[in-house]
Amino acid sequence: MGSNNVQKFPVCGAAEFEASHTFASLVKSAIFVAIHPFFFPTDLSKMQKSTFIKQKLYK
């Protein structure tokens, strides 16, 4: 059994990584959406701005 030393990662570990990766991605998107208009003011209507934010958040 000496050749069976390969560590097997539990399935929950992969799920936790995926959840943390998704969360980090959402946080980055939220920060981007919050600061983007400050540095790049746009002349978009409210409806267009709302659509732009949704596209950035849910890409």
PDB file of N, CA and C in Angstrom:
ATOM      1  N   MET A   1       0.822  -1.198   0.000  1.00  0.00           N
ATOM      2  CA  MET A   1       0.000   0.000   0.000  1.00  0.00           C
ATOM      3  C   MET A   1       0.864   1.260   0.000  1.00  0.00           C
ATOM      4  N   GLY A   2       2.156   1.107  -0.172  1.00  0.00           N
ATOM      5  CA  GLY A   2       3.037   2.260  -0.171  1.00  0.00           C
ATOM      6  C   GLY A   2       2.838   3.149  -1.389  1.00  0.00           C
ATOM      7  N   SER A   3       2.352   2.586  -2.497  1.00  0.00           N
ATOM      8  CA  SER A   3       2.165   3.382  -3.705  1.00  0.00           C
ATOM      9  C   SER A   3       0.861   4.184  -3.681  1.00  0.00           C
ATOM     10  N   ASN A   4       0.091   4.006  -2.631  1.00  0.00           N
ATOM     11  CA  ASN A   4      -1.207   4.685  -2.544  1.00  0.00           C
ATOM     12  C   ASN A   4      -1.110   5.913  -1.640  1.00  0.00           C
ATOM     13  N   ASN A   5      -0.038   6.706  -1.800  1.00  0.00           N
ATOM     14  CA  ASN A   5       0.183   7.867  -0.939  1.00  0.00           C
ATOM     15  C   ASN A   5      -0.377   9.161  -1.524  1.00  0.00           C
ATOM     16  N   VAL A   6      -1.090   9.076  -2.623  1.00  0.00           N
ATOM     17  CA  VAL A   6      -1.649  10.273  -3.246  1.00  0.00           C
ATOM     18  C   VAL A   6      -2.773  10.800  -2.363  1.00  0.00           C
ATOM     19  N   GLN A   7      -2.670  12.077  -2.026  1.00  0.00           N
ATOM     20  CA  GLN A   7      -3.715  12.663  -1.183  1.00  0.00           C
ATOM     21  C   GLN A   7      -4.955  12.917  -2.023  1.00  0.00           C
ATOM     22  N   LYS A   8      -6.077  12.537  -1.478  1.00  0.00           N
ATOM     23  CA  LYS A   8      -7.343  12.788  -2.165  1.00  0.00           C
ATOM     24  C   LYS A   8      -8.025  13.956  -1.471  1.00  0.00           C
ATOM     25  N   PHE A   9      -8.315  14.985  -2.236  1.00  0.00           N
ATOM     26  CA  PHE A   9      -8.984  16.144  -1.659  1.00  0.00           C
ATOM     27  C   PHE A   9     -10.470  15.843  -1.522  1.00  0.00           C
ATOM     28  N   PRO A  10     -11.041  16.198  -0.391  1.00  0.00           N
ATOM     29  CA  PRO A  10     -12.476  15.949  -0.218  1.00  0.00           C
ATOM     30  C   PRO A  10     -13.295  16.811  -1.183  1.00  0.00           C
ATOM     31  N   VAL A  11     -14.440  16.318  -1.558  1.00  0.00           N
ATOM     32  CA  VAL A  11     -15.295  17.038  -2.500  1.00  0.00           C
ATOM     33  C   VAL A  11     -15.695  18.387  -1.922  1.00  0.00           C
ATOM     34  N   CYS A  12     -15.924  18.441  -0.612  1.00  0.00           N
ATOM     35  CA  CYS A  12     -16.344  19.703   0.005  1.00  0.00           C
ATOM     36  C   CYS A  12     -15.242  20.755  -0.122  1.00  0.00           C
ATOM     37  N   GLY A  13     -13.983  20.343  -0.174  1.00  0.00           N
ATOM     38  CA  GLY A  13     -12.890  21.292  -0.349  1.00  0.00           C
ATOM     39  C   GLY A  13     -12.992  21.995  -1.693  1.00  0.00           C
ATOM     40  N   ALA A  14     -13.314  21.239  -2.731  1.00  0.00           N
ATOM     41  CA  ALA A  14     -13.476  21.832  -4.060  1.00  0.00           C
ATOM     42  C   ALA A  14     -14.669  22.775  -4.076  1.00  0.00           C
ATOM     43  N   ALA A  15     -15.744  22.388  -3.405  1.00  0.00           N
ATOM     44  CA  ALA A  15     -16.939  23.234  -3.354  1.00  0.00           C
ATOM     45  C   ALA A  15     -16.642  24.518  -2.587  1.00  0.00           C
ATOM     46  N   GLU A  16     -15.872  24.403  -1.510  1.00  0.00           N
ATOM     47  CA  GLU A  16     -15.516  25.591  -0.726  1.00  0.00           C
ATOM     48  C   GLU A  16     -14.646  26.530  -1.556  1.00  0.00           C
ATOM     49  N   PHE A  17     -13.714  25.958  -2.309  1.00  0.00           N
ATOM     50  CA  PHE A  17     -12.865  26.790  -3.167  1.00  0.00           C
ATOM     51  C   PHE A  17     -13.710  27.513  -4.205  1.00  0.00           C
ATOM     52  N   GLU A  18     -14.622  26.783  -4.820  1.00  0.00           N
ATOM     53  CA  GLU A  18     -15.485  27.380  -5.847  1.00  0.00           C
ATOM     54  C   GLU A  18     -16.329  28.501  -5.251  1.00  0.00           C
ATOM     55  N   ALA A  19     -16.859  28.291  -4.047  1.00  0.00           N
ATOM     56  CA  ALA A  19     -17.681  29.311  -3.387  1.00  0.00           C
ATOM     57  C   ALA A  19     -16.844  30.544  -3.057  1.00  0.00           C
ATOM     58  N   SER A  20     -15.632  30.330  -2.546  1.00  0.00           N
ATOM     59  CA  SER A  20     -14.789  31.477  -2.192  1.00  0.00           C
ATOM     60  C   SER A  20     -14.341  32.218  -3.452  1.00  0.00           C
ATOM     61  N   HIS A  21     -14.075  31.471  -4.523  1.00  0.00           N
ATOM     62  CA  HIS A  21     -13.678  32.099  -5.784  1.00  0.00           C
ATOM     63  C   HIS A  21     -14.829  32.942  -6.339  1.00  0.00           C
ATOM     64  N   THR A  22     -16.042  32.395  -6.285  1.00  0.00           N
ATOM     65  CA  THR A  22     -17.220  33.124  -6.764  1.00  0.00           C
ATOM     66  C   THR A  22     -17.441  34.366  -5.927  1.00  0.00           C
ATOM     67  N   PHE A  23     -17.298  34.236  -4.609  1.00  0.00           N
ATOM     68  CA  PHE A  23     -17.485  35.371  -3.705  1.00  0.00           C
ATOM     69  C   PHE A  23     -16.456  36.461  -4.008  1.00  0.00           C
ATOM     70  N   ALA A  24     -15.205  36.059  -4.198  1.00  0.00           N
ATOM     71  CA  ALA A  24     -14.150  37.031  -4.499  1.00  0.00           C
ATOM     72  C   ALA A  24     -14.444  37.744  -5.821  1.00  0.00           C
ATOM     73  N   SER A  25     -14.934  37.006  -6.783  1.00  0.00           N
ATOM     74  CA  SER A  25     -15.277  37.597  -8.073  1.00  0.00           C
ATOM     75  C   SER A  25     -16.401  38.620  -7.926  1.00  0.00           C
ATOM     76  N   LEU A  26     -17.400  38.290  -7.110  1.00  0.00           N
ATOM     77  CA  LEU A  26     -18.507  39.223  -6.880  1.00  0.00           C
ATOM     78  C   LEU A  26     -18.030  40.479  -6.169  1.00  0.00           C
ATOM     79  N   VAL A  27     -17.133  40.302  -5.199  1.00  0.00           N
ATOM     80  CA  VAL A  27     -16.607  41.455  -4.461  1.00  0.00           C
ATOM     81  C   VAL A  27     -15.835  42.366  -5.411  1.00  0.00           C
ATOM     82  N   LYS A  28     -14.997  41.770  -6.262  1.00  0.00           N
ATOM     83  CA  LYS A  28     -14.236  42.574  -7.226  1.00  0.00           C
ATOM     84  C   LYS A  28     -15.172  43.324  -8.170  1.00  0.00           C
ATOM     85  N   SER A  29     -16.223  42.653  -8.623  1.00  0.00           N
ATOM     86  CA  SER A  29     -17.181  43.302  -9.513  1.00  0.00           C
ATOM     87  C   SER A  29     -17.888  44.453  -8.818  1.00  0.00           C
ATOM     88  N   ALA A  30     -18.275  44.235  -7.566  1.00  0.00           N
ATOM     89  CA  ALA A  30     -18.977  45.282  -6.813  1.00  0.00           C
ATOM     90  C   ALA A  30     -18.073  46.498  -6.614  1.00  0.00           C
ATOM     91  N   ILE A  31     -16.813  46.248  -6.307  1.00  0.00           N
ATOM     92  CA  ILE A  31     -15.863  47.352  -6.119  1.00  0.00           C
ATOM     93  C   ILE A  31     -15.666  48.097  -7.439  1.00  0.00           C
ATOM     94  N   PHE A  32     -15.514  47.345  -8.525  1.00  0.00           N
ATOM     95  CA  PHE A  32     -15.329  47.961  -9.838  1.00  0.00           C
ATOM     96  C   PHE A  32     -16.523  48.846 -10.189  1.00  0.00           C
ATOM     97  N   VAL A  33     -17.732  48.319  -9.988  1.00  0.00           N
ATOM     98  CA  VAL A  33     -18.944  49.071 -10.320  1.00  0.00           C
ATOM     99  C   VAL A  33     -19.046  50.320  -9.459  1.00  0.00           C
ATOM    100  N   ALA A  34     -18.599  50.238  -8.205  1.00  0.00           N
ATOM    101  CA  ALA A  34     -18.687  51.384  -7.298  1.00  0.00           C
ATOM    102  C   ALA A  34     -17.703  52.491  -7.685  1.00  0.00           C
ATOM    103  N   ILE A  35     -16.466  52.122  -8.073  1.00  0.00           N
ATOM    104  CA  ILE A  35     -15.459  53.164  -8.335  1.00  0.00           C
ATOM    105  C   ILE A  35     -15.388  53.583  -9.798  1.00  0.00           C
ATOM    106  N   HIS A  36     -15.884  52.762 -10.703  1.00  0.00           N
ATOM    107  CA  HIS A  36     -15.778  53.072 -12.130  1.00  0.00           C
ATOM    108  C   HIS A  36     -16.381  54.430 -12.491  1.00  0.00           C
ATOM    109  N   PRO A  37     -17.606  54.743 -12.049  1.00  0.00           N
ATOM    110  CA  PRO A  37     -18.180  56.051 -12.420  1.00  0.00           C
ATOM    111  C   PRO A  37     -17.377  57.232 -11.868  1.00  0.00           C
ATOM    112  N   PHE A  38     -16.692  57.029 -10.752  1.00  0.00           N
ATOM    113  CA  PHE A  38     -15.903  58.104 -10.159  1.00  0.00           C
ATOM    114  C   PHE A  38     -14.738  58.486 -11.080  1.00  0.00           C
ATOM    115  N   PHE A  39     -14.071  57.483 -11.632  1.00  0.00           N
ATOM    116  CA  PHE A  39     -12.919  57.740 -12.500  1.00  0.00           C
ATOM    117  C   PHE A  39     -13.321  57.983 -13.955  1.00  0.00           C
ATOM    118  N   PHE A  40     -14.419  57.365 -14.364  1.00  0.00           N
ATOM    119  CA  PHE A  40     -14.871  57.485 -15.752  1.00  0.00           C
ATOM    120  C   PHE A  40     -16.336  57.905 -15.779  1.00  0.00           C
ATOM    121  N   PRO A  41     -16.606  59.176 -15.539  1.00  0.00           N
ATOM    122  CA  PRO A  41     -18.001  59.615 -15.553  1.00  0.00           C
ATOM    123  C   PRO A  41     -18.616  59.390 -16.931  1.00  0.00           C
ATOM    124  N   THR A  42     -19.800  58.860 -16.941  1.00  0.00           N
ATOM    125  CA  THR A  42     -20.453  58.572 -18.217  1.00  0.00           C
ATOM    126  C   THR A  42     -21.679  59.455 -18.369  1.00  0.00           C
ATOM    127  N   ASP A  43     -22.071  59.644 -19.590  1.00  0.00           N
ATOM    128  CA  ASP A  43     -23.273  60.418 -19.885  1.00  0.00           C
ATOM    129  C   ASP A  43     -24.427  59.473 -20.214  1.00  0.00           C
ATOM    130  N   LEU A  44     -24.494  58.384 -19.482  1.00  0.00           N
ATOM    131  CA  LEU A  44     -25.548  57.413 -19.732  1.00  0.00           C
ATOM    132  C   LEU A  44     -26.814  57.807 -18.980  1.00  0.00           C
ATOM    133  N   SER A  45     -27.933  57.436 -19.549  1.00  0.00           N
ATOM    134  CA  SER A  45     -29.182  57.641 -18.834  1.00  0.00           C
ATOM    135  C   SER A  45     -29.219  56.667 -17.655  1.00  0.00           C
ATOM    136  N   LYS A  46     -30.178  56.868 -16.751  1.00  0.00           N
ATOM    137  CA  LYS A  46     -30.282  55.981 -15.590  1.00  0.00           C
ATOM    138  C   LYS A  46     -30.503  54.538 -16.025  1.00  0.00           C
ATOM    139  N   MET A  47     -31.319  54.338 -17.045  1.00  0.00           N
ATOM    140  CA  MET A  47     -31.618  52.987 -17.505  1.00  0.00           C
ATOM    141  C   MET A  47     -30.361  52.331 -18.080  1.00  0.00           C
ATOM    142  N   GLN A  48     -29.605  53.071 -18.882  1.00  0.00           N
ATOM    143  CA  GLN A  48     -28.381  52.526 -19.460  1.00  0.00           C
ATOM    144  C   GLN A  48     -27.358  52.228 -18.367  1.00  0.00           C
ATOM    145  N   LYS A  49     -27.268  53.109 -17.374  1.00  0.00           N
ATOM    146  CA  LYS A  49     -26.330  52.912 -16.277  1.00  0.00           C
ATOM    147  C   LYS A  49     -26.685  51.653 -15.503  1.00  0.00           C
ATOM    148  N   SER A  50     -27.978  51.455 -15.262  1.00  0.00           N
ATOM    149  CA  SER A  50     -28.450  50.264 -14.551  1.00  0.00           C
ATOM    150  C   SER A  50     -28.083  49.003 -15.333  1.00  0.00           C
ATOM    151  N   THR A  51     -28.275  49.045 -16.649  1.00  0.00           N
ATOM    152  CA  THR A  51     -27.929  47.900 -17.499  1.00  0.00           C
ATOM    153  C   THR A  51     -26.427  47.646 -17.469  1.00  0.00           C
ATOM    154  N   PHE A  52     -25.637  48.704 -17.535  1.00  0.00           N
ATOM    155  CA  PHE A  52     -24.182  48.580 -17.491  1.00  0.00           C
ATOM    156  C   PHE A  52     -23.739  47.908 -16.193  1.00  0.00           C
ATOM    157  N   ILE A  53     -24.303  48.346 -15.074  1.00  0.00           N
ATOM    158  CA  ILE A  53     -23.949  47.776 -13.771  1.00  0.00           C
ATOM    159  C   ILE A  53     -24.328  46.301 -13.723  1.00  0.00           C
ATOM    160  N   LYS A  54     -25.518  45.967 -14.213  1.00  0.00           N
ATOM    161  CA  LYS A  54     -25.955  44.561 -14.205  1.00  0.00           C
ATOM    162  C   LYS A  54     -25.020  43.704 -15.051  1.00  0.00           C
ATOM    163  N   GLN A  55     -24.602  44.226 -16.206  1.00  0.00           N
ATOM    164  CA  GLN A  55     -23.701  43.460 -17.068  1.00  0.00           C
ATOM    165  C   GLN A  55     -22.369  43.213 -16.376  1.00  0.00           C
ATOM    166  N   LYS A  56     -21.871  44.207 -15.643  1.00  0.00           N
ATOM    167  CA  LYS A  56     -20.597  44.043 -14.950  1.00  0.00           C
ATOM    168  C   LYS A  56     -20.729  43.071 -13.786  1.00  0.00           C
ATOM    169  N   LEU A  57     -21.862  43.104 -13.090  1.00  0.00           N
ATOM    170  CA  LEU A  57     -22.039  42.235 -11.926  1.00  0.00           C
ATOM    171  C   LEU A  57     -22.275  40.788 -12.317  1.00  0.00           C
ATOM    172  N   TYR A  58     -23.001  40.556 -13.397  1.00  0.00           N
ATOM    173  CA  TYR A  58     -23.427  39.194 -13.732  1.00  0.00           C
ATOM    174  C   TYR A  58     -22.759  38.648 -14.978  1.00  0.00           C
ATOM    175  N   LYS A  59     -21.542  39.100 -15.269  1.00  0.00           N
ATOM    176  CA  LYS A  59     -20.862  38.594 -16.465  1.00  0.00           C
ATOM    177  C   LYS A  59     -20.349  37.197 -16.252  1.00  0.00           C
TER     178      LYS A  59
END
